[in-house]
Amino acid sequence: MVEIDSKMPTRRLRPLRRRELPVSTVRLARYLIGKTLVRQLPEGTLAGRIVETEAYLTGDAAAHTFRGPTPRNRSLYLERGHAYVYFTYGNHFMLNVSGGHDGTGEGVLIRAVEPIEGIELMEHRRRTKSLKDLARGPGCLASALQVDRRLDGVDLTVRGPLWIGTALQRSSAIGTSVRIGITKEVHRLLRFYERGSAFVSGPRRLNLSA
């Protein structure tokens, strides 16, 4: 766990600039580890350090864009740095960041964050006092930060209801593994996570990967 000194750490942040985001979606997935996901609500600010991501690429059978553009996945074809939010398994949302240039159709799934601000609001939404479980896993993350389809297409590089800011502190070493919860292209090493973080999801065996 990274210790954050400030009581309201997001005041020290600025949004990531689009030109800072790697064009390569794989590199973007690694780059986002340690950056800060911020959700602005009327009740207050919710924020967490991104500790786990997965990349989904062109021609990737596990990607939502594998069969081309649809009304549902159109946000994935936006210039890198936009939100793609979808509803899955009939009960929760997932947050992704579009990758590549406009029209590419790639993205990065944000799988987990380490809560650093607005923790009481997250606890209320998640109905748990377990800090490590508040936003561990993409469905829990979306619930904790109140992410739903209304945020689909939002530009994450500008201050708004949802944005990604700079890192508050340097992250630990980054591990790589296969992705979680998919049945296609299961061999690809496209999941990235902060090694040693208690806030990373998935089985322990995957979180020991180099």
Protein backbone atom coordinates (compact mmCIF):
# COMPACT_ATOMS: atom_id res chain seq x y z
CA MET A 1 0.00 0.00 0.00
CA VAL A 2 1.25 3.48 -0.87
CA GLU A 3 0.93 6.05 1.91
CA ILE A 4 -0.76 9.28 0.80
CA ASP A 5 0.00 12.18 3.15
CA SER A 6 -2.52 14.84 2.14
CA LYS A 7 -6.07 14.68 3.51
CA MET A 8 -7.42 15.77 0.09
CA PRO A 9 -4.74 14.50 -2.32
CA THR A 10 -6.57 15.24 -5.57
CA ARG A 11 -5.99 18.96 -5.02
CA ARG A 12 -2.37 18.28 -5.96
CA LEU A 13 -3.27 16.68 -9.26
CA ARG A 14 -3.75 17.78 -12.84
CA PRO A 15 -5.44 15.73 -15.56
CA LEU A 16 -3.19 13.71 -17.82
CA ARG A 17 -2.72 15.41 -21.19
CA ARG A 18 -3.67 13.40 -24.25
CA ARG A 19 -0.20 13.84 -25.71
CA GLU A 20 1.20 12.13 -22.60
CA LEU A 21 -0.83 8.99 -23.23
CA PRO A 22 1.08 6.37 -25.23
CA VAL A 23 -0.46 5.67 -28.64
CA SER A 24 0.26 1.96 -28.17
CA THR A 25 -2.62 0.50 -26.16
CA VAL A 26 -0.32 -2.04 -24.48
CA ARG A 27 1.99 0.75 -23.37
CA LEU A 28 -1.04 2.77 -22.26
CA ALA A 29 -2.20 -0.10 -20.03
CA ARG A 30 1.21 -0.11 -18.30
CA TYR A 31 1.39 3.68 -18.18
CA LEU A 32 -1.89 3.99 -16.30
CA ILE A 33 -0.62 1.95 -13.35
CA GLY A 34 -0.10 4.36 -10.48
CA LYS A 35 -2.11 7.18 -12.06
CA THR A 36 -5.14 8.59 -10.24
CA LEU A 37 -8.75 7.95 -11.23
CA VAL A 38 -11.00 10.78 -10.00
CA ARG A 39 -14.80 10.83 -9.78
CA GLN A 40 -16.49 14.14 -9.01
CA LEU A 41 -19.93 13.92 -7.40
CA PRO A 42 -22.16 16.53 -5.73
CA GLU A 43 -21.49 14.76 -2.42
CA GLY A 44 -17.71 14.95 -2.82
CA THR A 45 -14.65 13.64 -4.63
CA LEU A 46 -13.84 9.95 -4.93
CA ALA A 47 -10.39 8.90 -6.06
CA GLY A 48 -8.06 5.95 -6.24
CA ARG A 49 -4.66 4.92 -7.56
CA ILE A 50 -4.96 2.63 -10.57
CA VAL A 51 -3.26 -0.66 -9.66
CA GLU A 52 -4.53 -3.09 -12.32
CA THR A 53 -5.37 -2.86 -16.03
CA GLU A 54 -5.89 -5.04 -19.09
CA ALA A 55 -5.33 -4.18 -22.75
CA TYR A 56 -7.74 -5.17 -25.56
CA LEU A 57 -6.39 -4.80 -29.08
CA THR A 58 -7.30 -4.79 -32.76
CA GLY A 59 -8.05 -8.33 -33.96
CA ASP A 60 -8.36 -9.51 -30.35
CA ALA A 61 -11.22 -12.02 -30.11
CA ALA A 62 -11.78 -11.00 -26.47
CA ALA A 63 -12.23 -7.33 -27.39
CA HIS A 64 -15.64 -5.71 -27.81
CA THR A 65 -14.49 -4.30 -31.15
CA PHE A 66 -13.58 -7.68 -32.65
CA ARG A 67 -16.60 -7.59 -35.00
CA GLY A 68 -16.37 -3.89 -35.72
CA PRO A 69 -18.18 -0.72 -34.58
CA THR A 70 -21.61 -0.87 -32.97
CA PRO A 71 -23.72 1.71 -31.09
CA ARG A 72 -22.58 0.04 -27.87
CA ASN A 73 -18.81 0.13 -28.47
CA ARG A 74 -18.46 3.40 -30.41
CA SER A 75 -16.62 5.11 -27.53
CA LEU A 76 -13.74 2.65 -27.98
CA TYR A 77 -13.15 4.17 -31.41
CA LEU A 78 -12.62 7.65 -29.99
CA GLU A 79 -9.14 9.16 -29.67
CA ARG A 80 -7.20 7.63 -26.76
CA GLY A 81 -8.22 8.90 -23.33
CA HIS A 82 -12.02 8.62 -23.50
CA ALA A 83 -14.22 6.50 -21.25
CA TYR A 84 -15.97 3.41 -22.55
CA VAL A 85 -18.52 2.11 -20.03
CA TYR A 86 -20.60 -1.01 -20.55
CA PHE A 87 -23.01 -3.12 -18.50
CA THR A 88 -22.19 -6.79 -18.10
CA TYR A 89 -23.39 -9.99 -16.43
CA GLY A 90 -26.70 -8.25 -15.76
CA ASN A 91 -25.52 -6.53 -12.60
CA HIS A 92 -22.51 -4.23 -12.94
CA PHE A 93 -20.65 -1.76 -15.12
CA MET A 94 -17.06 -1.81 -16.37
CA LEU A 95 -14.82 1.19 -17.06
CA ASN A 96 -12.37 1.26 -19.98
CA VAL A 97 -10.08 3.89 -21.49
CA SER A 98 -10.01 4.13 -25.28
CA GLY A 99 -6.59 3.53 -26.84
CA GLY A 100 -4.82 4.47 -30.04
CA HIS A 101 -5.79 7.12 -32.56
CA ASP A 102 -9.34 8.08 -33.50
CA GLY A 103 -10.98 5.09 -35.20
CA THR A 104 -8.61 2.44 -33.79
CA GLY A 105 -11.10 0.53 -31.62
CA GLU A 106 -8.79 -0.52 -28.79
CA GLY A 107 -9.07 -0.04 -25.04
CA VAL A 108 -7.77 -0.56 -21.53
CA LEU A 109 -10.00 -2.07 -18.85
CA ILE A 110 -9.44 -0.51 -15.41
CA ARG A 111 -9.67 -3.52 -13.12
CA ALA A 112 -8.83 -2.09 -9.69
CA VAL A 113 -7.85 1.02 -7.76
CA GLU A 114 -6.46 1.69 -4.30
CA PRO A 115 -8.93 4.08 -2.61
CA ILE A 116 -7.33 7.34 -1.46
CA GLU A 117 -10.14 9.90 -1.20
CA GLY A 118 -13.88 9.78 -0.52
CA ILE A 119 -13.51 6.44 1.22
CA GLU A 120 -16.61 6.88 3.38
CA LEU A 121 -18.71 7.53 0.28
CA MET A 122 -17.26 4.41 -1.34
CA GLU A 123 -18.05 2.37 1.77
CA HIS A 124 -21.63 3.58 1.67
CA ARG A 125 -22.01 2.64 -1.99
CA ARG A 126 -20.32 -0.74 -1.61
CA ARG A 127 -21.87 -1.52 1.80
CA THR A 128 -18.57 -2.71 3.19
CA LYS A 129 -15.88 -1.35 5.51
CA SER A 130 -13.18 -3.53 3.95
CA LEU A 131 -10.80 -1.01 2.38
CA LYS A 132 -9.08 -3.51 0.12
CA ASP A 133 -12.40 -4.76 -1.26
CA LEU A 134 -13.95 -1.36 -2.08
CA ALA A 135 -12.66 -1.16 -5.65
CA ARG A 136 -10.88 -4.48 -6.24
CA GLY A 137 -12.26 -5.85 -9.48
CA PRO A 138 -13.88 -3.85 -12.29
CA GLY A 139 -17.47 -4.28 -11.11
CA CYS A 140 -16.61 -3.24 -7.55
CA LEU A 141 -14.64 -0.27 -8.90
CA ALA A 142 -17.58 0.98 -10.95
CA SER A 143 -19.95 0.57 -8.02
CA ALA A 144 -17.64 2.34 -5.56
CA LEU A 145 -17.08 5.30 -7.90
CA GLN A 146 -20.65 5.43 -9.23
CA VAL A 147 -19.61 4.77 -12.82
CA ASP A 148 -22.40 3.95 -15.25
CA ARG A 149 -23.39 4.45 -18.90
CA ARG A 150 -23.95 8.16 -18.36
CA LEU A 151 -20.15 8.48 -18.32
CA ASP A 152 -19.67 6.61 -21.60
CA GLY A 153 -17.65 8.77 -23.99
CA VAL A 154 -16.43 11.24 -21.35
CA ASP A 155 -13.01 12.78 -22.07
CA LEU A 156 -10.79 11.59 -19.23
CA THR A 157 -8.05 14.13 -20.00
CA VAL A 158 -10.03 17.14 -18.73
CA ARG A 159 -11.53 17.89 -15.32
CA GLY A 160 -15.13 16.78 -15.27
CA PRO A 161 -17.31 14.10 -13.70
CA LEU A 162 -14.63 11.47 -14.33
CA TRP A 163 -10.96 12.04 -15.19
CA ILE A 164 -7.50 10.56 -14.82
CA GLY A 165 -4.81 12.55 -13.07
CA THR A 166 -1.09 12.33 -12.59
CA ALA A 167 0.42 9.96 -10.05
CA LEU A 168 0.63 11.09 -6.44
CA GLN A 169 3.64 8.88 -5.79
CA ARG A 170 5.80 6.53 -7.77
CA SER A 171 4.28 3.07 -8.11
CA SER A 172 5.99 -0.19 -7.24
CA ALA A 173 7.24 -2.64 -9.86
CA ILE A 174 4.69 -3.61 -12.49
CA GLY A 175 3.82 -7.26 -13.04
CA THR A 176 2.38 -8.85 -16.20
CA SER A 177 0.03 -11.80 -16.60
CA VAL A 178 -2.74 -13.28 -18.71
CA ARG A 179 -6.11 -11.53 -18.53
CA ILE A 180 -8.87 -12.56 -16.14
CA GLY A 181 -12.41 -13.79 -16.80
CA ILE A 182 -12.19 -14.27 -20.57
CA THR A 183 -12.53 -17.40 -22.72
CA LYS A 184 -10.80 -16.20 -25.90
CA GLU A 185 -7.18 -15.17 -26.48
CA VAL A 186 -6.52 -16.39 -22.95
CA HIS A 187 -2.77 -16.85 -23.48
CA ARG A 188 -1.94 -13.19 -24.14
CA LEU A 189 0.08 -11.34 -21.50
CA LEU A 190 -1.99 -8.16 -21.53
CA ARG A 191 -2.81 -7.68 -17.84
CA PHE A 192 -0.68 -5.29 -15.81
CA TYR A 193 -0.70 -4.73 -12.06
CA GLU A 194 1.26 -3.14 -9.24
CA ARG A 195 3.23 -5.92 -7.61
CA GLY A 196 2.65 -6.33 -3.89
CA SER A 197 -0.57 -4.31 -3.87
CA ALA A 198 -3.34 -5.65 -1.63
CA PHE A 199 -5.87 -3.90 -3.90
CA VAL A 200 -5.18 -5.99 -7.01
CA SER A 201 -7.86 -8.51 -8.02
CA GLY A 202 -7.46 -12.02 -9.33
CA PRO A 203 -5.90 -15.24 -8.04
CA ARG A 204 -2.66 -15.03 -6.08
CA ARG A 205 -0.80 -17.17 -8.60
CA LEU A 206 -1.27 -14.53 -11.29
CA ASN A 207 -0.14 -11.74 -8.99
CA LEU A 208 3.23 -13.35 -8.50
CA SER A 209 4.07 -13.06 -12.19
CA ALA A 210 7.03 -10.94 -13.21
